[in-house]
């Protein structure tokens, strides 16, 4: 099992002025929390970290400080997340039959959730962590006026990890390149390529740090665990 960690974000919405995965969370950077889970998991054989070219030296520092011996490569990402994962996929070991993708800015990945998603993928070919939508969902127009209220039954908010047969994910990325598909997560490309994807109940604590409020919540959660 190869794990691609997406760590090429610029942190614009966070207002960090730098890559958010290097911000401190508890006693180590945000990125290190995900790497620690991967390092301890018997189901993960290698880790590929994808980051901005200018952040590669900092990634090396984080990996060395761990030390996180499962990190086989740190590769330069692209302009969009999809480009970055494509670069990570090319770096995966040739013998790997399964590929997991996880956001470097989701530091509260639990070993249990990782194992549940991997197990589901091995049964079905592809699986993602996700949470059923609890709020009422509105569709708005360009003037922020409500145009519809959606039926929330059956709607899920996607998380990571997302785990796929390596050949399915590679085929989906080839199709995306040929047809110009764009998506905000890997499962969308796999779905569009015609493969089934299993939904696995995620965890509320598995937040993605995107805004200042997310970072404050993450630090509060970390303080509660310590």
Protein backbone atom coordinates (compact mmCIF):
# COMPACT_ATOMS: atom_id res chain seq x y z
CA UNK A 1 0.00 0.00 0.00
CA UNK A 2 1.37 3.37 -1.05
CA UNK A 3 0.12 6.54 0.63
CA UNK A 4 0.30 9.82 -1.26
CA UNK A 5 0.17 12.81 1.09
CA UNK A 6 -1.06 16.00 -0.58
CA UNK A 7 0.97 18.81 0.99
CA UNK A 8 1.28 21.38 -1.79
CA UNK A 9 -1.25 23.94 -0.54
CA UNK A 10 -0.40 27.62 -0.27
CA UNK A 11 -2.55 28.37 2.76
CA UNK A 12 -4.20 31.42 1.18
CA UNK A 13 -7.52 31.00 2.97
CA UNK A 14 -5.67 30.47 6.21
CA UNK A 15 -3.71 33.66 5.73
CA UNK A 16 -0.55 31.87 6.79
CA UNK A 17 1.68 33.37 4.12
CA UNK A 18 3.34 29.98 3.72
CA UNK A 19 2.49 26.30 3.35
CA UNK A 20 0.08 25.54 6.19
CA UNK A 21 1.30 21.95 6.69
CA UNK A 22 4.41 23.32 8.38
CA UNK A 23 2.52 25.32 11.00
CA UNK A 24 2.95 23.97 14.54
CA UNK A 25 0.23 21.80 16.03
CA UNK A 26 1.10 20.58 19.48
CA UNK A 27 4.72 19.53 19.54
CA UNK A 28 5.22 19.08 15.79
CA UNK A 29 4.14 20.46 12.41
CA UNK A 30 0.70 19.66 11.01
CA UNK A 31 2.21 17.41 8.33
CA UNK A 32 4.10 15.33 10.89
CA UNK A 33 0.88 14.09 12.49
CA UNK A 34 -0.21 12.36 9.29
CA UNK A 35 3.27 10.97 8.69
CA UNK A 36 3.31 9.52 12.21
CA UNK A 37 0.09 7.58 11.58
CA UNK A 38 1.45 6.22 8.31
CA UNK A 39 4.74 5.29 9.96
CA UNK A 40 2.94 3.26 12.62
CA UNK A 41 0.46 1.53 10.30
CA UNK A 42 1.32 -2.03 9.27
CA UNK A 43 -0.90 -1.53 6.21
CA UNK A 44 1.23 1.27 4.72
CA UNK A 45 4.44 0.25 2.96
CA UNK A 46 5.58 3.59 1.56
CA UNK A 47 4.69 7.27 1.70
CA UNK A 48 5.04 9.78 -1.13
CA UNK A 49 4.81 13.42 -0.04
CA UNK A 50 3.82 15.92 -2.71
CA UNK A 51 4.61 19.54 -1.97
CA UNK A 52 5.48 22.81 -3.68
CA UNK A 53 8.97 22.82 -5.24
CA UNK A 54 10.11 25.58 -2.89
CA UNK A 55 8.91 23.58 0.14
CA UNK A 56 10.85 20.39 -0.60
CA UNK A 57 13.75 21.33 1.75
CA UNK A 58 11.30 21.99 4.60
CA UNK A 59 9.60 18.65 3.94
CA UNK A 60 12.96 16.93 4.18
CA UNK A 61 13.49 18.57 7.57
CA UNK A 62 10.12 17.33 8.85
CA UNK A 63 10.75 13.81 7.57
CA UNK A 64 14.26 13.65 9.01
CA UNK A 65 13.16 14.98 12.39
CA UNK A 66 10.54 12.23 12.72
CA UNK A 67 12.26 10.18 11.59
CA UNK A 68 9.67 8.89 9.13
CA UNK A 69 11.41 6.03 7.35
CA UNK A 70 8.43 5.08 5.19
CA UNK A 71 8.70 8.35 3.26
CA UNK A 72 10.33 7.11 0.06
CA UNK A 73 10.09 10.28 -2.01
CA UNK A 74 9.21 13.95 -1.74
CA UNK A 75 8.07 15.17 -5.14
CA UNK A 76 7.16 18.54 -6.58
CA UNK A 77 3.45 19.14 -7.06
CA UNK A 78 1.67 21.06 -9.78
CA UNK A 79 -0.53 24.11 -10.08
CA UNK A 80 -3.71 22.31 -8.97
CA UNK A 81 -4.25 19.52 -6.45
CA UNK A 82 -5.09 17.15 -9.29
CA UNK A 83 -1.72 17.88 -10.91
CA UNK A 84 0.01 17.20 -7.61
CA UNK A 85 -1.63 13.82 -7.08
CA UNK A 86 -0.79 12.87 -10.67
CA UNK A 87 2.86 13.63 -9.89
CA UNK A 88 2.66 11.55 -6.71
CA UNK A 89 1.08 8.66 -8.57
CA UNK A 90 4.02 8.55 -10.99
CA UNK A 91 6.37 8.17 -8.00
CA UNK A 92 4.55 5.18 -6.48
CA UNK A 93 6.55 1.96 -6.39
CA UNK A 94 5.89 -0.26 -9.44
CA UNK A 95 4.92 -3.19 -7.22
CA UNK A 96 2.18 -1.27 -5.37
CA UNK A 97 -1.31 -2.59 -6.11
CA UNK A 98 -3.14 -0.13 -3.87
CA UNK A 99 -2.83 3.63 -3.49
CA UNK A 100 -4.23 5.78 -0.69
CA UNK A 101 -4.46 9.57 -0.86
CA UNK A 102 -4.66 11.78 2.22
CA UNK A 103 -4.62 15.53 2.77
CA UNK A 104 -1.53 16.70 4.62
CA UNK A 105 -3.75 19.30 6.29
CA UNK A 106 -5.91 16.59 7.95
CA UNK A 107 -3.70 15.90 10.97
CA UNK A 108 -6.23 13.92 13.01
CA UNK A 109 -6.31 10.84 10.81
CA UNK A 110 -6.84 7.90 13.13
CA UNK A 111 -5.29 4.47 12.58
CA UNK A 112 -8.77 2.96 12.91
CA UNK A 113 -10.24 5.11 10.12
CA UNK A 114 -7.28 4.44 7.84
CA UNK A 115 -7.65 0.70 8.36
CA UNK A 116 -11.43 0.78 7.79
CA UNK A 117 -11.09 2.62 4.48
CA UNK A 118 -8.32 0.32 3.30
CA UNK A 119 -10.38 -2.75 4.22
CA UNK A 120 -13.43 -1.42 2.36
CA UNK A 121 -11.33 -0.63 -0.72
CA UNK A 122 -9.92 -4.13 -0.78
CA UNK A 123 -13.48 -5.47 -0.85
CA UNK A 124 -14.80 -3.12 -3.53
CA UNK A 125 -11.83 -1.65 -5.41
CA UNK A 126 -12.22 1.91 -4.12
CA UNK A 127 -13.39 3.52 -0.88
CA UNK A 128 -13.40 6.95 0.74
CA UNK A 129 -14.01 8.33 4.19
CA UNK A 130 -17.08 10.59 4.27
CA UNK A 131 -19.65 12.00 6.65
CA UNK A 132 -23.42 12.05 6.07
CA UNK A 133 -24.64 15.64 5.69
CA UNK A 134 -26.53 16.81 8.78
CA UNK A 135 -27.29 20.42 7.86
CA UNK A 136 -29.99 21.61 5.49
CA UNK A 137 -28.32 22.31 2.15
CA UNK A 138 -29.28 25.35 0.07
CA UNK A 139 -28.31 26.12 -3.51
CA UNK A 140 -27.68 29.82 -4.19
CA UNK A 141 -27.20 32.00 -7.24
CA UNK A 142 -24.52 34.57 -8.04
CA UNK A 143 -26.38 37.11 -5.91
CA UNK A 144 -26.44 34.76 -2.90
CA UNK A 145 -30.18 34.21 -3.18
CA UNK A 146 -31.56 30.75 -2.48
CA UNK A 147 -32.61 28.93 -5.62
CA UNK A 148 -33.31 25.50 -4.14
CA UNK A 149 -33.26 23.44 -0.95
CA UNK A 150 -31.68 20.05 -1.57
CA UNK A 151 -32.78 16.76 -0.11
CA UNK A 152 -29.94 15.90 2.26
CA UNK A 153 -30.78 12.21 2.47
CA UNK A 154 -28.01 10.35 0.68
CA UNK A 155 -25.62 13.32 0.63
CA UNK A 156 -22.15 12.85 2.11
CA UNK A 157 -19.23 15.23 2.68
CA UNK A 158 -16.07 13.62 1.33
CA UNK A 159 -12.95 13.36 3.46
CA UNK A 160 -9.65 11.62 3.04
CA UNK A 161 -8.18 9.02 3.18
CA UNK A 162 -9.34 7.75 -0.19
CA UNK A 163 -8.05 4.35 -1.25
CA UNK A 164 -8.08 2.83 -4.74
CA UNK A 165 -6.81 -0.04 -6.79
CA UNK A 166 -3.70 1.40 -8.34
CA UNK A 167 -4.79 0.46 -11.89
CA UNK A 168 -8.20 2.14 -11.40
CA UNK A 169 -6.66 5.38 -10.14
CA UNK A 170 -4.06 5.40 -12.90
CA UNK A 171 -6.75 4.79 -15.54
CA UNK A 172 -8.89 7.58 -14.09
CA UNK A 173 -5.98 10.01 -14.28
CA UNK A 174 -5.24 9.01 -17.87
CA UNK A 175 -8.87 9.63 -18.79
CA UNK A 176 -8.80 12.98 -16.99
CA UNK A 177 -5.73 14.08 -18.94
CA UNK A 178 -7.20 12.99 -22.27
CA UNK A 179 -10.63 14.52 -21.68
CA UNK A 180 -9.68 17.58 -19.64
CA UNK A 181 -11.61 16.49 -16.56
CA UNK A 182 -11.14 18.55 -13.40
CA UNK A 183 -12.16 17.45 -9.92
CA UNK A 184 -11.56 18.46 -6.32
CA UNK A 185 -10.95 14.92 -5.11
CA UNK A 186 -9.63 11.70 -6.58
CA UNK A 187 -12.85 9.77 -6.07
CA UNK A 188 -14.65 12.08 -8.51
CA UNK A 189 -12.22 11.11 -11.27
CA UNK A 190 -12.51 7.41 -10.43
CA UNK A 191 -16.32 7.67 -10.45
CA UNK A 192 -16.30 9.49 -13.78
CA UNK A 193 -14.09 6.78 -15.25
CA UNK A 194 -16.85 4.31 -14.44
CA UNK A 195 -15.57 2.61 -11.29
CA UNK A 196 -17.66 2.10 -8.11
CA UNK A 197 -16.59 3.89 -4.93
CA UNK A 198 -17.62 2.76 -1.44
CA UNK A 199 -18.54 5.32 1.22
CA UNK A 200 -17.03 4.60 4.64
CA UNK A 201 -18.31 6.59 7.64
CA UNK A 202 -15.56 9.04 8.53
CA UNK A 203 -14.84 10.80 11.80
CA UNK A 204 -15.95 14.27 12.89
CA UNK A 205 -12.48 14.98 14.25
CA UNK A 206 -10.88 14.28 10.87
CA UNK A 207 -11.01 17.97 9.94
CA UNK A 208 -9.12 19.67 7.14
CA UNK A 209 -7.32 22.80 8.26
CA UNK A 210 -8.26 25.45 5.71
CA UNK A 211 -9.31 28.59 7.60
CA UNK A 212 -8.15 30.34 10.79
CA UNK A 213 -11.18 28.86 12.54
CA UNK A 214 -10.09 25.36 11.51
CA UNK A 215 -6.63 25.97 12.93
CA UNK A 216 -8.06 27.25 16.20
CA UNK A 217 -10.29 24.17 16.43
CA UNK A 218 -7.35 21.87 15.66
CA UNK A 219 -5.26 23.45 18.39
CA UNK A 220 -8.15 23.15 20.84
CA UNK A 221 -8.56 19.47 19.92
CA UNK A 222 -4.84 18.90 20.33
CA UNK A 223 -4.85 20.62 23.72
CA UNK A 224 -7.74 18.42 24.79
CA UNK A 225 -5.76 15.30 23.91
CA UNK A 226 -2.64 16.37 25.76
